Every structure is written in structure tokens, then in C-alpha cells.
PDB file of N, CA and C in Angstrom:
ATOM      1  N   UNK A   1      13.683   8.923   2.101  1.00  0.00           N
ATOM      2  CA  UNK A   1      13.430   8.157   3.294  1.00  0.00           C
ATOM      3  C   UNK A   1      13.719   6.692   3.006  1.00  0.00           C
ATOM      4  N   UNK A   2      14.074   5.970   4.058  1.00  0.00           N
ATOM      5  CA  UNK A   2      14.302   4.536   3.927  1.00  0.00           C
ATOM      6  C   UNK A   2      13.351   3.820   4.871  1.00  0.00           C
ATOM      7  N   UNK A   3      12.689   2.811   4.339  1.00  0.00           N
ATOM      8  CA  UNK A   3      11.747   2.036   5.130  1.00  0.00           C
ATOM      9  C   UNK A   3      12.102   0.560   5.059  1.00  0.00           C
ATOM     10  N   UNK A   4      11.968  -0.137   6.178  1.00  0.00           N
ATOM     11  CA  UNK A   4      12.149  -1.588   6.226  1.00  0.00           C
ATOM     12  C   UNK A   4      10.769  -2.216   6.254  1.00  0.00           C
ATOM     13  N   UNK A   5      10.533  -3.153   5.334  1.00  0.00           N
ATOM     14  CA  UNK A   5       9.237  -3.823   5.240  1.00  0.00           C
ATOM     15  C   UNK A   5       9.495  -5.321   5.385  1.00  0.00           C
ATOM     16  N   UNK A   6       9.275  -5.826   6.579  1.00  0.00           N
ATOM     17  CA  UNK A   6       9.631  -7.199   6.915  1.00  0.00           C
ATOM     18  C   UNK A   6       8.933  -8.270   6.116  1.00  0.00           C
ATOM     19  N   UNK A   7       7.706  -8.013   5.666  1.00  0.00           N
ATOM     20  CA  UNK A   7       6.973  -9.060   4.937  1.00  0.00           C
ATOM     21  C   UNK A   7       7.061  -8.904   3.420  1.00  0.00           C
ATOM     22  N   UNK A   8       7.987  -8.098   2.935  1.00  0.00           N
ATOM     23  CA  UNK A   8       8.220  -7.955   1.493  1.00  0.00           C
ATOM     24  C   UNK A   8       9.199  -9.049   1.077  1.00  0.00           C
ATOM     25  N   UNK A   9       8.671 -10.099   0.432  1.00  0.00           N
ATOM     26  CA  UNK A   9       9.485 -11.293   0.201  1.00  0.00           C
ATOM     27  C   UNK A   9       9.695 -11.658  -1.261  1.00  0.00           C
ATOM     28  N   UNK A  10       8.975 -11.019  -2.174  1.00  0.00           N
ATOM     29  CA  UNK A  10       9.081 -11.432  -3.572  1.00  0.00           C
ATOM     30  C   UNK A  10       8.888 -10.239  -4.504  1.00  0.00           C
ATOM     31  N   UNK A  11       9.065 -10.479  -5.779  1.00  0.00           N
ATOM     32  CA  UNK A  11       8.879  -9.431  -6.769  1.00  0.00           C
ATOM     33  C   UNK A  11       7.465  -8.883  -6.783  1.00  0.00           C
ATOM     34  N   UNK A  12       6.498  -9.741  -6.545  1.00  0.00           N
ATOM     35  CA  UNK A  12       5.102  -9.295  -6.485  1.00  0.00           C
ATOM     36  C   UNK A  12       4.890  -8.321  -5.341  1.00  0.00           C
ATOM     37  N   UNK A  13       5.502  -8.619  -4.201  1.00  0.00           N
ATOM     38  CA  UNK A  13       5.427  -7.708  -3.056  1.00  0.00           C
ATOM     39  C   UNK A  13       6.067  -6.361  -3.410  1.00  0.00           C
ATOM     40  N   UNK A  14       7.223  -6.434  -4.049  1.00  0.00           N
ATOM     41  CA  UNK A  14       7.931  -5.205  -4.424  1.00  0.00           C
ATOM     42  C   UNK A  14       7.089  -4.369  -5.381  1.00  0.00           C
ATOM     43  N   UNK A  15       6.424  -5.021  -6.330  1.00  0.00           N
ATOM     44  CA  UNK A  15       5.550  -4.285  -7.260  1.00  0.00           C
ATOM     45  C   UNK A  15       4.373  -3.656  -6.507  1.00  0.00           C
ATOM     46  N   UNK A  16       3.822  -4.372  -5.542  1.00  0.00           N
ATOM     47  CA  UNK A  16       2.717  -3.833  -4.742  1.00  0.00           C
ATOM     48  C   UNK A  16       3.145  -2.629  -3.926  1.00  0.00           C
ATOM     49  N   UNK A  17       4.327  -2.724  -3.326  1.00  0.00           N
ATOM     50  CA  UNK A  17       4.865  -1.605  -2.544  1.00  0.00           C
ATOM     51  C   UNK A  17       5.082  -0.394  -3.448  1.00  0.00           C
ATOM     52  N   UNK A  18       5.674  -0.631  -4.610  1.00  0.00           N
ATOM     53  CA  UNK A  18       5.911   0.465  -5.554  1.00  0.00           C
ATOM     54  C   UNK A  18       4.605   1.107  -5.988  1.00  0.00           C
ATOM     55  N   UNK A  19       3.597   0.299  -6.268  1.00  0.00           N
ATOM     56  CA  UNK A  19       2.290   0.832  -6.678  1.00  0.00           C
ATOM     57  C   UNK A  19       1.675   1.684  -5.578  1.00  0.00           C
ATOM     58  N   UNK A  20       1.772   1.233  -4.336  1.00  0.00           N
ATOM     59  CA  UNK A  20       1.227   2.001  -3.211  1.00  0.00           C
ATOM     60  C   UNK A  20       1.936   3.344  -3.092  1.00  0.00           C
ATOM     61  N   UNK A  21       3.253   3.324  -3.217  1.00  0.00           N
ATOM     62  CA  UNK A  21       4.025   4.570  -3.126  1.00  0.00           C
ATOM     63  C   UNK A  21       3.625   5.517  -4.249  1.00  0.00           C
ATOM     64  N   UNK A  22       3.476   4.992  -5.453  1.00  0.00           N
ATOM     65  CA  UNK A  22       3.104   5.848  -6.587  1.00  0.00           C
ATOM     66  C   UNK A  22       1.661   6.331  -6.502  1.00  0.00           C
ATOM     67  N   UNK A  23       0.812   5.634  -5.753  1.00  0.00           N
ATOM     68  CA  UNK A  23      -0.548   6.140  -5.505  1.00  0.00           C
ATOM     69  C   UNK A  23      -0.494   7.412  -4.660  1.00  0.00           C
ATOM     70  N   UNK A  24       0.483   7.496  -3.769  1.00  0.00           N
ATOM     71  CA  UNK A  24       0.627   8.668  -2.907  1.00  0.00           C
ATOM     72  C   UNK A  24       1.370   9.790  -3.636  1.00  0.00           C
ATOM     73  N   UNK A  25       2.441   9.434  -4.339  1.00  0.00           N
ATOM     74  CA  UNK A  25       3.245  10.415  -5.084  1.00  0.00           C
ATOM     75  C   UNK A  25       3.676   9.772  -6.399  1.00  0.00           C
ATOM     76  N   UNK A  26       2.996  10.131  -7.468  1.00  0.00           N
ATOM     77  CA  UNK A  26       3.268   9.509  -8.770  1.00  0.00           C
ATOM     78  C   UNK A  26       4.663   9.824  -9.292  1.00  0.00           C
ATOM     79  N   UNK A  27       5.304  10.855  -8.753  1.00  0.00           N
ATOM     80  CA  UNK A  27       6.654  11.232  -9.189  1.00  0.00           C
ATOM     81  C   UNK A  27       7.751  10.690  -8.281  1.00  0.00           C
ATOM     82  N   UNK A  28       7.398   9.892  -7.308  1.00  0.00           N
ATOM     83  CA  UNK A  28       8.390   9.367  -6.365  1.00  0.00           C
ATOM     84  C   UNK A  28       9.380   8.451  -7.079  1.00  0.00           C
ATOM     85  N   UNK A  29      10.638   8.541  -6.664  1.00  0.00           N
ATOM     86  CA  UNK A  29      11.663   7.605  -7.124  1.00  0.00           C
ATOM     87  C   UNK A  29      11.766   6.512  -6.066  1.00  0.00           C
ATOM     88  N   UNK A  30      11.640   5.267  -6.510  1.00  0.00           N
ATOM     89  CA  UNK A  30      11.612   4.132  -5.593  1.00  0.00           C
ATOM     90  C   UNK A  30      12.740   3.176  -5.946  1.00  0.00           C
ATOM     91  N   UNK A  31      13.534   2.807  -4.938  1.00  0.00           N
ATOM     92  CA  UNK A  31      14.592   1.820  -5.118  1.00  0.00           C
ATOM     93  C   UNK A  31      14.403   0.753  -4.047  1.00  0.00           C
ATOM     94  N   UNK A  32      14.233  -0.493  -4.476  1.00  0.00           N
ATOM     95  CA  UNK A  32      13.947  -1.580  -3.547  1.00  0.00           C
ATOM     96  C   UNK A  32      15.107  -2.559  -3.513  1.00  0.00           C
ATOM     97  N   UNK A  33      15.575  -2.839  -2.290  1.00  0.00           N
ATOM     98  CA  UNK A  33      16.559  -3.900  -2.046  1.00  0.00           C
ATOM     99  C   UNK A  33      15.774  -5.047  -1.411  1.00  0.00           C
ATOM    100  N   UNK A  34      15.323  -5.971  -2.246  1.00  0.00           N
ATOM    101  CA  UNK A  34      14.451  -7.045  -1.784  1.00  0.00           C
ATOM    102  C   UNK A  34      15.143  -7.928  -0.754  1.00  0.00           C
ATOM    103  N   UNK A  35      16.423  -8.208  -0.955  1.00  0.00           N
ATOM    104  CA  UNK A  35      17.155  -9.070  -0.025  1.00  0.00           C
ATOM    105  C   UNK A  35      17.204  -8.466   1.378  1.00  0.00           C
ATOM    106  N   UNK A  36      17.394  -7.155   1.452  1.00  0.00           N
ATOM    107  CA  UNK A  36      17.462  -6.466   2.742  1.00  0.00           C
ATOM    108  C   UNK A  36      16.080  -6.023   3.228  1.00  0.00           C
ATOM    109  N   UNK A  37      15.076  -6.115   2.352  1.00  0.00           N
ATOM    110  CA  UNK A  37      13.701  -5.685   2.646  1.00  0.00           C
ATOM    111  C   UNK A  37      13.631  -4.187   2.942  1.00  0.00           C
ATOM    112  N   UNK A  38      14.457  -3.427   2.207  1.00  0.00           N
ATOM    113  CA  UNK A  38      14.540  -1.975   2.407  1.00  0.00           C
ATOM    114  C   UNK A  38      14.083  -1.252   1.142  1.00  0.00           C
ATOM    115  N   UNK A  39      13.261  -0.232   1.347  1.00  0.00           N
ATOM    116  CA  UNK A  39      12.773   0.605   0.259  1.00  0.00           C
ATOM    117  C   UNK A  39      13.312   2.012   0.481  1.00  0.00           C
ATOM    118  N   UNK A  40      14.010   2.541  -0.508  1.00  0.00           N
ATOM    119  CA  UNK A  40      14.468   3.929  -0.473  1.00  0.00           C
ATOM    120  C   UNK A  40      13.537   4.738  -1.366  1.00  0.00           C
ATOM    121  N   UNK A  41      13.001   5.819  -0.814  1.00  0.00           N
ATOM    122  CA  UNK A  41      11.992   6.608  -1.533  1.00  0.00           C
ATOM    123  C   UNK A  41      12.414   8.069  -1.535  1.00  0.00           C
ATOM    124  N   UNK A  42      12.448   8.651  -2.724  1.00  0.00           N
ATOM    125  CA  UNK A  42      12.664  10.089  -2.876  1.00  0.00           C
ATOM    126  C   UNK A  42      11.300  10.667  -3.233  1.00  0.00           C
ATOM    127  N   UNK A  43      10.688  11.366  -2.295  1.00  0.00           N
ATOM    128  CA  UNK A  43       9.303  11.796  -2.454  1.00  0.00           C
ATOM    129  C   UNK A  43       9.046  13.106  -1.722  1.00  0.00           C
ATOM    130  N   UNK A  44       7.960  13.766  -2.122  1.00  0.00           N
ATOM    131  CA  UNK A  44       7.517  14.961  -1.411  1.00  0.00           C
ATOM    132  C   UNK A  44       6.544  14.598  -0.286  1.00  0.00           C
ATOM    133  N   UNK A  45       6.087  13.352  -0.272  1.00  0.00           N
ATOM    134  CA  UNK A  45       5.145  12.894   0.742  1.00  0.00           C
ATOM    135  C   UNK A  45       5.851  12.712   2.087  1.00  0.00           C
ATOM    136  N   UNK A  46       5.072  12.751   3.153  1.00  0.00           N
ATOM    137  CA  UNK A  46       5.644  12.578   4.490  1.00  0.00           C
ATOM    138  C   UNK A  46       5.833  11.105   4.816  1.00  0.00           C
ATOM    139  N   UNK A  47       6.680  10.846   5.779  1.00  0.00           N
ATOM    140  CA  UNK A  47       6.884   9.480   6.252  1.00  0.00           C
ATOM    141  C   UNK A  47       5.555   8.901   6.734  1.00  0.00           C
ATOM    142  N   UNK A  48       4.787   9.697   7.444  1.00  0.00           N
ATOM    143  CA  UNK A  48       3.501   9.232   7.966  1.00  0.00           C
ATOM    144  C   UNK A  48       2.549   8.835   6.835  1.00  0.00           C
ATOM    145  N   UNK A  49       2.496   9.634   5.769  1.00  0.00           N
ATOM    146  CA  UNK A  49       1.642   9.288   4.628  1.00  0.00           C
ATOM    147  C   UNK A  49       2.057   7.945   4.036  1.00  0.00           C
ATOM    148  N   UNK A  50       3.351   7.755   3.856  1.00  0.00           N
ATOM    149  CA  UNK A  50       3.847   6.517   3.251  1.00  0.00           C
ATOM    150  C   UNK A  50       3.609   5.313   4.142  1.00  0.00           C
ATOM    151  N   UNK A  51       3.960   5.420   5.426  1.00  0.00           N
ATOM    152  CA  UNK A  51       3.806   4.263   6.305  1.00  0.00           C
ATOM    153  C   UNK A  51       2.338   3.909   6.512  1.00  0.00           C
ATOM    154  N   UNK A  52       1.469   4.903   6.557  1.00  0.00           N
ATOM    155  CA  UNK A  52       0.039   4.632   6.705  1.00  0.00           C
ATOM    156  C   UNK A  52      -0.508   3.918   5.477  1.00  0.00           C
ATOM    157  N   UNK A  53      -0.188   4.418   4.291  1.00  0.00           N
ATOM    158  CA  UNK A  53      -0.674   3.802   3.054  1.00  0.00           C
ATOM    159  C   UNK A  53      -0.133   2.382   2.890  1.00  0.00           C
ATOM    160  N   UNK A  54       1.151   2.195   3.183  1.00  0.00           N
ATOM    161  CA  UNK A  54       1.740   0.860   3.058  1.00  0.00           C
ATOM    162  C   UNK A  54       1.099  -0.106   4.046  1.00  0.00           C
ATOM    163  N   UNK A  55       0.863   0.324   5.276  1.00  0.00           N
ATOM    164  CA  UNK A  55       0.224  -0.539   6.270  1.00  0.00           C
ATOM    165  C   UNK A  55      -1.190  -0.920   5.832  1.00  0.00           C
ATOM    166  N   UNK A  56      -1.928   0.033   5.282  1.00  0.00           N
ATOM    167  CA  UNK A  56      -3.287  -0.244   4.807  1.00  0.00           C
ATOM    168  C   UNK A  56      -3.289  -1.267   3.683  1.00  0.00           C
ATOM    169  N   UNK A  57      -2.211  -1.313   2.905  1.00  0.00           N
ATOM    170  CA  UNK A  57      -2.109  -2.261   1.795  1.00  0.00           C
ATOM    171  C   UNK A  57      -1.403  -3.558   2.196  1.00  0.00           C
ATOM    172  N   UNK A  58      -1.174  -3.738   3.497  1.00  0.00           N
ATOM    173  CA  UNK A  58      -0.619  -4.994   3.982  1.00  0.00           C
ATOM    174  C   UNK A  58       0.886  -5.053   4.082  1.00  0.00           C
ATOM    175  N   UNK A  59       1.542  -3.888   4.022  1.00  0.00           N
ATOM    176  CA  UNK A  59       3.005  -3.834   4.100  1.00  0.00           C
ATOM    177  C   UNK A  59       3.435  -2.877   5.215  1.00  0.00           C
ATOM    178  N   UNK A  60       3.256  -3.275   6.485  1.00  0.00           N
ATOM    179  CA  UNK A  60       3.689  -2.381   7.564  1.00  0.00           C
ATOM    180  C   UNK A  60       5.185  -2.095   7.466  1.00  0.00           C
ATOM    181  N   UNK A  61       5.538  -0.833   7.602  1.00  0.00           N
ATOM    182  CA  UNK A  61       6.923  -0.399   7.382  1.00  0.00           C
ATOM    183  C   UNK A  61       7.462   0.292   8.622  1.00  0.00           C
ATOM    184  N   UNK A  62       8.768   0.141   8.814  1.00  0.00           N
ATOM    185  CA  UNK A  62       9.478   0.833   9.889  1.00  0.00           C
ATOM    186  C   UNK A  62      10.534   1.737   9.268  1.00  0.00           C
ATOM    187  N   UNK A  63      10.679   2.929   9.832  1.00  0.00           N
ATOM    188  CA  UNK A  63      11.677   3.871   9.335  1.00  0.00           C
ATOM    189  C   UNK A  63      13.063   3.343   9.669  1.00  0.00           C
ATOM    190  N   UNK A  64      13.966   3.416   8.698  1.00  0.00           N
ATOM    191  CA  UNK A  64      15.351   2.979   8.888  1.00  0.00           C
ATOM    192  C   UNK A  64      16.204   4.142   9.290  1.00  0.00           C
TER     193      UNK A  64
END
């Protein structure tokens, strides 16, 4: 899945997003394009699980 996270602006944000994703699925593969604010995730978790967890941690995401 690909998610756009508009308020992801720095490496610290990217680390926080990655940590949130790994809290949901520790085996997820995460690729972040910080300039485009896009996160590509290879996971068994649902889009709803990911977007809910990211929003709760302060990173509201939109599906790309």
C-alpha cells in the first residue's frame, strides 16, 4: 500500500512513522520518500489498521 502523509517533514517524522507501522506489523517492509511524503508499505495489515494507528500517533495518512 502507498500512503501520503502531509505532515511528515523530517527524518524524525519518518522514524516515528516507521515505528508505528512496525508496532502493527513487525515484519512490514517500509520505504519512505520523504520529499514526496509517501510511504510504501508491504504488510499483512489492512489499510484501515495502518491509517488508524498513524492518525493516533499524529500522522494522518491518505491512501495513494
